[in-house]
Amino acid sequence: MTDPVSVFRALHHGRAPDDPLVLPGPWDAASARALEEAGFPALAVPSAGVAASLGHEDGRTPADEMFAAVARIARAVSVPVSADIEAGYGLEPKELVERLLTAGVVGCNLEDSVDGVLLDPADQADRLARFREAAGDRLFLNARVDVYLYDAPAGTDRSAAALDRARRYAAAGADGVYPIAAPPEELPALAAAVPLPLNALGTPDSPAAVRRLGELGAARITFGPALQRLAVAAARGAAEALRQGLR
């Protein structure tokens, strides 16, 4: 049987510019099955979507609940599943790797901020290197770069900071980098500067916009919790229509 991690890793490479790897984000087993049935070759679980489904604020899901939810999703489908595990819940890299493997996933996103505060890039690179040492080739490590999300000291060049972090994380052994919320016009420079698949944040309601991100240099597109929020909005609309019909 082909190794699922190798399959997942290969999906990121050799792609045409207008055909990036699109990884929609399930938040539970039912949504994961629906996305697999729609034909997607792999899935990427968003922590915010799982948090909402479990009744938590984004970033406030207990680690045990998150890993249990991720494991249910991974068991529900036959395609590879990667998981957003925020900044790692304070776990040491070796334990983090073991919990991911136990959950049955093929990779993870690991953020470089905690509670809206950016981590020191050298410290984060060291942590990623220790994660890679513990994981070997058993997990695809997608290193998130959060400089576009949060306030930075006055005079900070966000583009330069993102490039610096991305290069450090690549050197530490990441398989991909994810400069979340990077302006689209900055993607070409990031893709040219970092020899790894570039993840961009897209919107699931615009295939043309997804293709455009690929043309700008993104090899992988994810949507965060957008699909879960669309599903909730659809359920609300249906419920409101039902309620109106019963009046």
C-alpha atoms as a PDB file:
ATOM      1  CA  MET A   1       0.000   0.000   0.000  1.00  0.00           C
ATOM      2  CA  THR A   2       1.273   3.475  -0.829  1.00  0.00           C
ATOM      3  CA  ASP A   3       2.333   5.501   2.198  1.00  0.00           C
ATOM      4  CA  PRO A   4      -0.335   8.206   2.800  1.00  0.00           C
ATOM      5  CA  VAL A   5       2.299  10.747   3.863  1.00  0.00           C
ATOM      6  CA  SER A   6       4.220  10.220   0.632  1.00  0.00           C
ATOM      7  CA  VAL A   7       0.984  10.591  -1.334  1.00  0.00           C
ATOM      8  CA  PHE A   8       0.168  13.805   0.510  1.00  0.00           C
ATOM      9  CA  ARG A   9       3.666  15.216   0.048  1.00  0.00           C
ATOM     10  CA  ALA A  10       3.620  14.413  -3.666  1.00  0.00           C
ATOM     11  CA  LEU A  11       0.320  16.263  -4.115  1.00  0.00           C
ATOM     12  CA  HIS A  12       2.136  19.530  -3.361  1.00  0.00           C
ATOM     13  CA  HIS A  13       4.714  19.205  -6.146  1.00  0.00           C
ATOM     14  CA  GLY A  14       4.754  19.434  -9.911  1.00  0.00           C
ATOM     15  CA  ARG A  15       1.508  21.356 -10.128  1.00  0.00           C
ATOM     16  CA  ALA A  16       0.555  23.685 -12.953  1.00  0.00           C
ATOM     17  CA  PRO A  17       0.239  27.350 -11.886  1.00  0.00           C
ATOM     18  CA  ASP A  18      -3.520  27.326 -12.484  1.00  0.00           C
ATOM     19  CA  ASP A  19      -3.996  24.023 -10.628  1.00  0.00           C
ATOM     20  CA  PRO A  20      -2.913  24.471  -6.988  1.00  0.00           C
ATOM     21  CA  LEU A  21      -3.641  21.767  -4.442  1.00  0.00           C
ATOM     22  CA  VAL A  22      -6.992  22.702  -2.881  1.00  0.00           C
ATOM     23  CA  LEU A  23      -7.492  21.347   0.638  1.00  0.00           C
ATOM     24  CA  PRO A  24     -10.962  22.131   2.006  1.00  0.00           C
ATOM     25  CA  GLY A  25     -11.417  22.095   5.749  1.00  0.00           C
ATOM     26  CA  PRO A  26     -13.779  19.648   7.479  1.00  0.00           C
ATOM     27  CA  TRP A  27     -14.840  20.303  11.054  1.00  0.00           C
ATOM     28  CA  ASP A  28     -16.343  16.897  11.856  1.00  0.00           C
ATOM     29  CA  ALA A  29     -16.655  13.397  10.415  1.00  0.00           C
ATOM     30  CA  ALA A  30     -19.794  14.149   8.386  1.00  0.00           C
ATOM     31  CA  SER A  31     -18.277  17.184   6.671  1.00  0.00           C
ATOM     32  CA  ALA A  32     -15.087  15.216   6.001  1.00  0.00           C
ATOM     33  CA  ARG A  33     -17.034  12.466   4.253  1.00  0.00           C
ATOM     34  CA  ALA A  34     -18.910  15.044   2.181  1.00  0.00           C
ATOM     35  CA  LEU A  35     -15.660  16.666   1.040  1.00  0.00           C
ATOM     36  CA  GLU A  36     -14.120  13.305   0.168  1.00  0.00           C
ATOM     37  CA  GLU A  37     -17.239  12.388  -1.800  1.00  0.00           C
ATOM     38  CA  ALA A  38     -16.909  15.680  -3.690  1.00  0.00           C
ATOM     39  CA  GLY A  39     -13.594  14.387  -5.023  1.00  0.00           C
ATOM     40  CA  PHE A  40     -10.912  16.228  -3.066  1.00  0.00           C
ATOM     41  CA  PRO A  41      -7.707  14.161  -2.781  1.00  0.00           C
ATOM     42  CA  ALA A  42      -6.827  15.342   0.743  1.00  0.00           C
ATOM     43  CA  LEU A  43      -8.249  17.498   3.524  1.00  0.00           C
ATOM     44  CA  ALA A  44      -6.906  20.110   5.962  1.00  0.00           C
ATOM     45  CA  VAL A  45      -8.713  20.404   9.296  1.00  0.00           C
ATOM     46  CA  PRO A  46      -8.998  24.024  10.532  1.00  0.00           C
ATOM     47  CA  SER A  47      -8.688  24.491  14.284  1.00  0.00           C
ATOM     48  CA  ALA A  48     -11.188  27.375  14.211  1.00  0.00           C
ATOM     49  CA  GLY A  49     -13.816  25.221  12.502  1.00  0.00           C
ATOM     50  CA  VAL A  50     -13.346  22.420  15.014  1.00  0.00           C
ATOM     51  CA  ALA A  51     -13.454  24.917  17.892  1.00  0.00           C
ATOM     52  CA  ALA A  52     -16.783  26.285  16.684  1.00  0.00           C
ATOM     53  CA  SER A  53     -18.241  22.804  16.282  1.00  0.00           C
ATOM     54  CA  LEU A  54     -17.210  21.932  19.842  1.00  0.00           C
ATOM     55  CA  GLY A  55     -18.511  25.160  21.364  1.00  0.00           C
ATOM     56  CA  HIS A  56     -15.155  26.840  21.995  1.00  0.00           C
ATOM     57  CA  GLU A  57     -13.719  30.177  20.975  1.00  0.00           C
ATOM     58  CA  ASP A  58     -10.999  29.972  18.357  1.00  0.00           C
ATOM     59  CA  GLY A  59      -7.711  29.223  20.099  1.00  0.00           C
ATOM     60  CA  ARG A  60      -9.393  27.971  23.270  1.00  0.00           C
ATOM     61  CA  THR A  61     -10.005  24.298  22.458  1.00  0.00           C
ATOM     62  CA  PRO A  62      -8.326  21.978  24.983  1.00  0.00           C
ATOM     63  CA  ALA A  63      -5.656  19.852  23.346  1.00  0.00           C
ATOM     64  CA  ASP A  64      -7.349  16.555  24.218  1.00  0.00           C
ATOM     65  CA  GLU A  65     -10.595  17.676  22.574  1.00  0.00           C
ATOM     66  CA  MET A  66      -8.803  18.904  19.458  1.00  0.00           C
ATOM     67  CA  PHE A  67      -6.820  15.708  18.949  1.00  0.00           C
ATOM     68  CA  ALA A  68      -9.929  13.605  19.560  1.00  0.00           C
ATOM     69  CA  ALA A  69     -11.868  15.595  16.941  1.00  0.00           C
ATOM     70  CA  VAL A  70      -9.021  15.344  14.454  1.00  0.00           C
ATOM     71  CA  ALA A  71      -8.821  11.577  15.010  1.00  0.00           C
ATOM     72  CA  ARG A  72     -12.562  11.183  14.332  1.00  0.00           C
ATOM     73  CA  ILE A  73     -12.164  13.093  11.067  1.00  0.00           C
ATOM     74  CA  ALA A  74      -9.134  11.073   9.987  1.00  0.00           C
ATOM     75  CA  ARG A  75     -10.939   7.783  10.709  1.00  0.00           C
ATOM     76  CA  ALA A  76     -13.981   8.862   8.711  1.00  0.00           C
ATOM     77  CA  VAL A  77     -12.240   9.187   5.339  1.00  0.00           C
ATOM     78  CA  SER A  78      -9.766   7.317   3.167  1.00  0.00           C
ATOM     79  CA  VAL A  79      -7.899  10.403   1.875  1.00  0.00           C
ATOM     80  CA  PRO A  80      -4.936  11.965   3.707  1.00  0.00           C
ATOM     81  CA  VAL A  81      -5.804  14.461   6.440  1.00  0.00           C
ATOM     82  CA  SER A  82      -3.639  17.278   7.771  1.00  0.00           C
ATOM     83  CA  ALA A  83      -4.558  19.237  10.896  1.00  0.00           C
ATOM     84  CA  ASP A  84      -4.120  22.762  12.169  1.00  0.00           C
ATOM     85  CA  ILE A  85      -2.852  22.341  15.710  1.00  0.00           C
ATOM     86  CA  GLU A  86      -2.435  26.043  16.471  1.00  0.00           C
ATOM     87  CA  ALA A  87       0.926  26.632  18.172  1.00  0.00           C
ATOM     88  CA  GLY A  88       1.090  23.103  19.561  1.00  0.00           C
ATOM     89  CA  TYR A  89      -0.748  23.555  22.872  1.00  0.00           C
ATOM     90  CA  GLY A  90       2.492  23.939  24.800  1.00  0.00           C
ATOM     91  CA  LEU A  91       3.521  20.353  24.056  1.00  0.00           C
ATOM     92  CA  GLU A  92       7.113  19.432  23.394  1.00  0.00           C
ATOM     93  CA  PRO A  93       7.802  18.474  19.764  1.00  0.00           C
ATOM     94  CA  LYS A  94       8.260  14.769  20.489  1.00  0.00           C
ATOM     95  CA  GLU A  95       4.900  14.504  22.273  1.00  0.00           C
ATOM     96  CA  LEU A  96       3.250  16.609  19.580  1.00  0.00           C
ATOM     97  CA  VAL A  97       4.506  14.234  16.897  1.00  0.00           C
ATOM     98  CA  GLU A  98       3.280  11.182  18.772  1.00  0.00           C
ATOM     99  CA  ARG A  99      -0.169  12.665  19.305  1.00  0.00           C
ATOM    100  CA  LEU A 100      -0.481  13.545  15.621  1.00  0.00           C
ATOM    101  CA  LEU A 101       0.563  10.047  14.574  1.00  0.00           C
ATOM    102  CA  THR A 102      -1.871   8.516  17.049  1.00  0.00           C
ATOM    103  CA  ALA A 103      -4.640  10.698  15.587  1.00  0.00           C
ATOM    104  CA  GLY A 104      -3.917   9.237  12.167  1.00  0.00           C
ATOM    105  CA  VAL A 105      -3.040  12.416  10.282  1.00  0.00           C
ATOM    106  CA  VAL A 106      -0.316  12.908   7.689  1.00  0.00           C
ATOM    107  CA  GLY A 107       0.698  16.449   8.584  1.00  0.00           C
ATOM    108  CA  CYS A 108      -0.002  19.619  10.481  1.00  0.00           C
ATOM    109  CA  ASN A 109       0.084  23.387  10.488  1.00  0.00           C
ATOM    110  CA  LEU A 110       2.166  24.837  13.305  1.00  0.00           C
ATOM    111  CA  GLU A 111       1.667  28.529  14.043  1.00  0.00           C
ATOM    112  CA  ASP A 112       4.377  30.997  15.067  1.00  0.00           C
ATOM    113  CA  SER A 113       2.175  33.068  17.361  1.00  0.00           C
ATOM    114  CA  VAL A 114       0.393  32.510  20.674  1.00  0.00           C
ATOM    115  CA  ASP A 115      -2.579  34.616  21.785  1.00  0.00           C
ATOM    116  CA  GLY A 116      -1.889  37.155  19.069  1.00  0.00           C
ATOM    117  CA  VAL A 117       1.793  37.576  19.929  1.00  0.00           C
ATOM    118  CA  LEU A 118       4.439  36.551  17.427  1.00  0.00           C
ATOM    119  CA  LEU A 119       7.034  34.085  18.684  1.00  0.00           C
ATOM    120  CA  ASP A 120      10.722  34.789  18.264  1.00  0.00           C
ATOM    121  CA  PRO A 121      11.626  33.450  14.809  1.00  0.00           C
ATOM    122  CA  ALA A 122      14.874  31.841  15.978  1.00  0.00           C
ATOM    123  CA  ASP A 123      13.064  30.048  18.805  1.00  0.00           C
ATOM    124  CA  GLN A 124      10.331  28.922  16.431  1.00  0.00           C
ATOM    125  CA  ALA A 125      12.864  27.644  13.909  1.00  0.00           C
ATOM    126  CA  ASP A 126      14.530  25.632  16.669  1.00  0.00           C
ATOM    127  CA  ARG A 127      11.166  24.170  17.653  1.00  0.00           C
ATOM    128  CA  LEU A 128      10.412  23.225  14.066  1.00  0.00           C
ATOM    129  CA  ALA A 129      13.826  21.554  13.785  1.00  0.00           C
ATOM    130  CA  ARG A 130      13.090  19.483  16.883  1.00  0.00           C
ATOM    131  CA  PHE A 131       9.679  18.581  15.482  1.00  0.00           C
ATOM    132  CA  ARG A 132      11.323  17.449  12.237  1.00  0.00           C
ATOM    133  CA  GLU A 133      13.882  15.390  14.129  1.00  0.00           C
ATOM    134  CA  ALA A 134      11.125  13.646  16.079  1.00  0.00           C
ATOM    135  CA  ALA A 135       8.860  13.141  13.057  1.00  0.00           C
ATOM    136  CA  GLY A 136      11.411  12.151  10.453  1.00  0.00           C
ATOM    137  CA  ASP A 137       9.505  11.824   7.191  1.00  0.00           C
ATOM    138  CA  ARG A 138       6.316  10.589   8.892  1.00  0.00           C
ATOM    139  CA  LEU A 139       4.555  13.989   8.888  1.00  0.00           C
ATOM    140  CA  PHE A 140       4.241  16.926   6.485  1.00  0.00           C
ATOM    141  CA  LEU A 141       5.148  20.048   8.466  1.00  0.00           C
ATOM    142  CA  ASN A 142       3.452  23.220   7.206  1.00  0.00           C
ATOM    143  CA  ALA A 143       5.032  26.157   9.038  1.00  0.00           C
ATOM    144  CA  ARG A 144       2.639  29.067   9.441  1.00  0.00           C
ATOM    145  CA  VAL A 145       3.952  32.635   9.271  1.00  0.00           C
ATOM    146  CA  ASP A 146       1.651  35.000  11.162  1.00  0.00           C
ATOM    147  CA  VAL A 147       3.269  38.410  10.599  1.00  0.00           C
ATOM    148  CA  TYR A 148       0.380  39.606   8.431  1.00  0.00           C
ATOM    149  CA  LEU A 149      -2.207  38.805  11.104  1.00  0.00           C
ATOM    150  CA  TYR A 150      -1.097  40.809  14.104  1.00  0.00           C
ATOM    151  CA  ASP A 151       0.187  44.227  15.066  1.00  0.00           C
ATOM    152  CA  ALA A 152       3.923  44.699  14.616  1.00  0.00           C
ATOM    153  CA  PRO A 153       6.269  47.334  16.058  1.00  0.00           C
ATOM    154  CA  ALA A 154       6.264  50.634  14.212  1.00  0.00           C
ATOM    155  CA  GLY A 155       8.537  50.556  11.209  1.00  0.00           C
ATOM    156  CA  THR A 156       8.351  46.783  10.778  1.00  0.00           C
ATOM    157  CA  ASP A 157       8.619  45.674   7.159  1.00  0.00           C
ATOM    158  CA  ARG A 158       6.104  42.849   7.134  1.00  0.00           C
ATOM    159  CA  SER A 159       7.267  41.541   3.769  1.00  0.00           C
ATOM    160  CA  ALA A 160      10.882  41.318   4.936  1.00  0.00           C
ATOM    161  CA  ALA A 161       9.823  39.750   8.243  1.00  0.00           C
ATOM    162  CA  ALA A 162       7.721  37.148   6.435  1.00  0.00           C
ATOM    163  CA  LEU A 163      10.586  36.272   4.105  1.00  0.00           C
ATOM    164  CA  ASP A 164      12.998  35.962   7.023  1.00  0.00           C
ATOM    165  CA  ARG A 165      10.687  33.656   8.939  1.00  0.00           C
ATOM    166  CA  ALA A 166       9.859  31.556   5.898  1.00  0.00           C
ATOM    167  CA  ARG A 167      13.537  31.042   5.090  1.00  0.00           C
ATOM    168  CA  ARG A 168      14.334  30.131   8.707  1.00  0.00           C
ATOM    169  CA  TYR A 169      11.505  27.612   8.812  1.00  0.00           C
ATOM    170  CA  ALA A 170      12.529  26.083   5.498  1.00  0.00           C
ATOM    171  CA  ALA A 171      16.067  25.658   6.789  1.00  0.00           C
ATOM    172  CA  ALA A 172      14.674  24.052   9.961  1.00  0.00           C
ATOM    173  CA  GLY A 173      13.051  21.277   7.936  1.00  0.00           C
ATOM    174  CA  ALA A 174       9.526  22.451   7.173  1.00  0.00           C
ATOM    175  CA  ASP A 175       7.844  20.851   4.142  1.00  0.00           C
ATOM    176  CA  GLY A 176       5.814  23.956   3.345  1.00  0.00           C
ATOM    177  CA  VAL A 177       5.281  27.514   4.541  1.00  0.00           C
ATOM    178  CA  TYR A 178       1.994  29.303   5.105  1.00  0.00           C
ATOM    179  CA  PRO A 179       2.167  33.115   5.256  1.00  0.00           C
ATOM    180  CA  ILE A 180      -1.475  33.375   6.247  1.00  0.00           C
ATOM    181  CA  ALA A 181      -3.298  36.498   5.036  1.00  0.00           C
ATOM    182  CA  ALA A 182      -0.350  37.614   2.918  1.00  0.00           C
ATOM    183  CA  PRO A 183      -1.474  40.149   0.291  1.00  0.00           C
ATOM    184  CA  PRO A 184      -1.778  38.354  -3.057  1.00  0.00           C
ATOM    185  CA  GLU A 185       0.689  40.723  -4.691  1.00  0.00           C
ATOM    186  CA  GLU A 186       3.385  39.533  -2.275  1.00  0.00           C
ATOM    187  CA  LEU A 187       3.002  35.842  -3.098  1.00  0.00           C
ATOM    188  CA  PRO A 188       5.332  35.837  -6.152  1.00  0.00           C
ATOM    189  CA  ALA A 189       8.281  37.146  -4.120  1.00  0.00           C
ATOM    190  CA  LEU A 190       7.611  34.681  -1.315  1.00  0.00           C
ATOM    191  CA  ALA A 191       7.308  31.759  -3.711  1.00  0.00           C
ATOM    192  CA  ALA A 192      10.528  32.742  -5.477  1.00  0.00           C
ATOM    193  CA  ALA A 193      12.477  33.165  -2.242  1.00  0.00           C
ATOM    194  CA  VAL A 194      11.486  29.950  -0.457  1.00  0.00           C
ATOM    195  CA  PRO A 195      12.100  26.547  -2.113  1.00  0.00           C
ATOM    196  CA  LEU A 196       9.013  24.945  -0.563  1.00  0.00           C
ATOM    197  CA  PRO A 197       5.337  24.710  -1.486  1.00  0.00           C
ATOM    198  CA  LEU A 198       3.613  27.958  -0.539  1.00  0.00           C
ATOM    199  CA  ASN A 199       0.207  27.803   1.169  1.00  0.00           C
ATOM    200  CA  ALA A 200      -2.212  30.691   0.606  1.00  0.00           C
ATOM    201  CA  LEU A 201      -5.526  31.480   2.272  1.00  0.00           C
ATOM    202  CA  GLY A 202      -8.362  31.411  -0.249  1.00  0.00           C
ATOM    203  CA  THR A 203     -12.127  31.749  -0.393  1.00  0.00           C
ATOM    204  CA  PRO A 204     -14.198  28.656  -1.236  1.00  0.00           C
ATOM    205  CA  ASP A 205     -16.850  30.612  -3.179  1.00  0.00           C
ATOM    206  CA  SER A 206     -14.511  31.761  -5.970  1.00  0.00           C
ATOM    207  CA  PRO A 207     -12.752  29.129  -8.102  1.00  0.00           C
ATOM    208  CA  ALA A 208     -11.319  31.954 -10.225  1.00  0.00           C
ATOM    209  CA  ALA A 209      -9.710  33.513  -7.151  1.00  0.00           C
ATOM    210  CA  VAL A 210      -8.278  30.132  -6.163  1.00  0.00           C
ATOM    211  CA  ARG A 211      -6.711  29.715  -9.608  1.00  0.00           C
ATOM    212  CA  ARG A 212      -5.328  33.247  -9.395  1.00  0.00           C
ATOM    213  CA  LEU A 213      -3.559  32.444  -6.124  1.00  0.00           C
ATOM    214  CA  GLY A 214      -1.958  29.480  -7.889  1.00  0.00           C
ATOM    215  CA  GLU A 215      -0.834  31.698 -10.755  1.00  0.00           C
ATOM    216  CA  LEU A 216       0.767  34.027  -8.192  1.00  0.00           C
ATOM    217  CA  GLY A 217       2.852  31.209  -6.749  1.00  0.00           C
ATOM    218  CA  ALA A 218       0.726  29.326  -4.234  1.00  0.00           C
ATOM    219  CA  ALA A 219       1.037  25.550  -4.575  1.00  0.00           C
ATOM    220  CA  ARG A 220      -1.597  24.880  -1.905  1.00  0.00           C
ATOM    221  CA  ILE A 221      -4.835  26.664  -1.027  1.00  0.00           C
ATOM    222  CA  THR A 222      -6.732  26.298   2.233  1.00  0.00           C
ATOM    223  CA  PHE A 223      -9.800  28.136   3.519  1.00  0.00           C
ATOM    224  CA  GLY A 224      -9.560  28.115   7.303  1.00  0.00           C
ATOM    225  CA  PRO A 225     -13.047  27.811   8.865  1.00  0.00           C
ATOM    226  CA  ALA A 226     -14.825  29.376   5.853  1.00  0.00           C
ATOM    227  CA  LEU A 227     -16.698  26.209   4.843  1.00  0.00           C
ATOM    228  CA  GLN A 228     -17.923  25.622   8.387  1.00  0.00           C
ATOM    229  CA  ARG A 229     -19.202  29.202   8.529  1.00  0.00           C
ATOM    230  CA  LEU A 230     -20.938  28.804   5.161  1.00  0.00           C
ATOM    231  CA  ALA A 231     -22.575  25.621   6.441  1.00  0.00           C
ATOM    232  CA  VAL A 232     -23.816  27.395   9.569  1.00  0.00           C
ATOM    233  CA  ALA A 233     -25.155  30.248   7.452  1.00  0.00           C
ATOM    234  CA  ALA A 234     -26.953  27.767   5.198  1.00  0.00           C
ATOM    235  CA  ALA A 235     -28.470  26.003   8.202  1.00  0.00           C
ATOM    236  CA  ARG A 236     -29.580  29.350   9.639  1.00  0.00           C
ATOM    237  CA  GLY A 237     -31.174  30.322   6.342  1.00  0.00           C
ATOM    238  CA  ALA A 238     -33.025  27.022   6.088  1.00  0.00           C
ATOM    239  CA  ALA A 239     -34.206  27.302   9.678  1.00  0.00           C
ATOM    240  CA  GLU A 240     -35.419  30.848   9.189  1.00  0.00           C
ATOM    241  CA  ALA A 241     -37.300  29.853   6.033  1.00  0.00           C
ATOM    242  CA  LEU A 242     -38.897  26.941   7.890  1.00  0.00           C
ATOM    243  CA  ARG A 243     -39.860  29.152  10.800  1.00  0.00           C
ATOM    244  CA  GLN A 244     -41.387  31.729   8.502  1.00  0.00           C
ATOM    245  CA  GLY A 245     -43.349  29.020   6.728  1.00  0.00           C
ATOM    246  CA  LEU A 246     -44.802  27.789   9.997  1.00  0.00           C
ATOM    247  CA  ARG A 247     -46.122  31.182  11.043  1.00  0.00           C
END
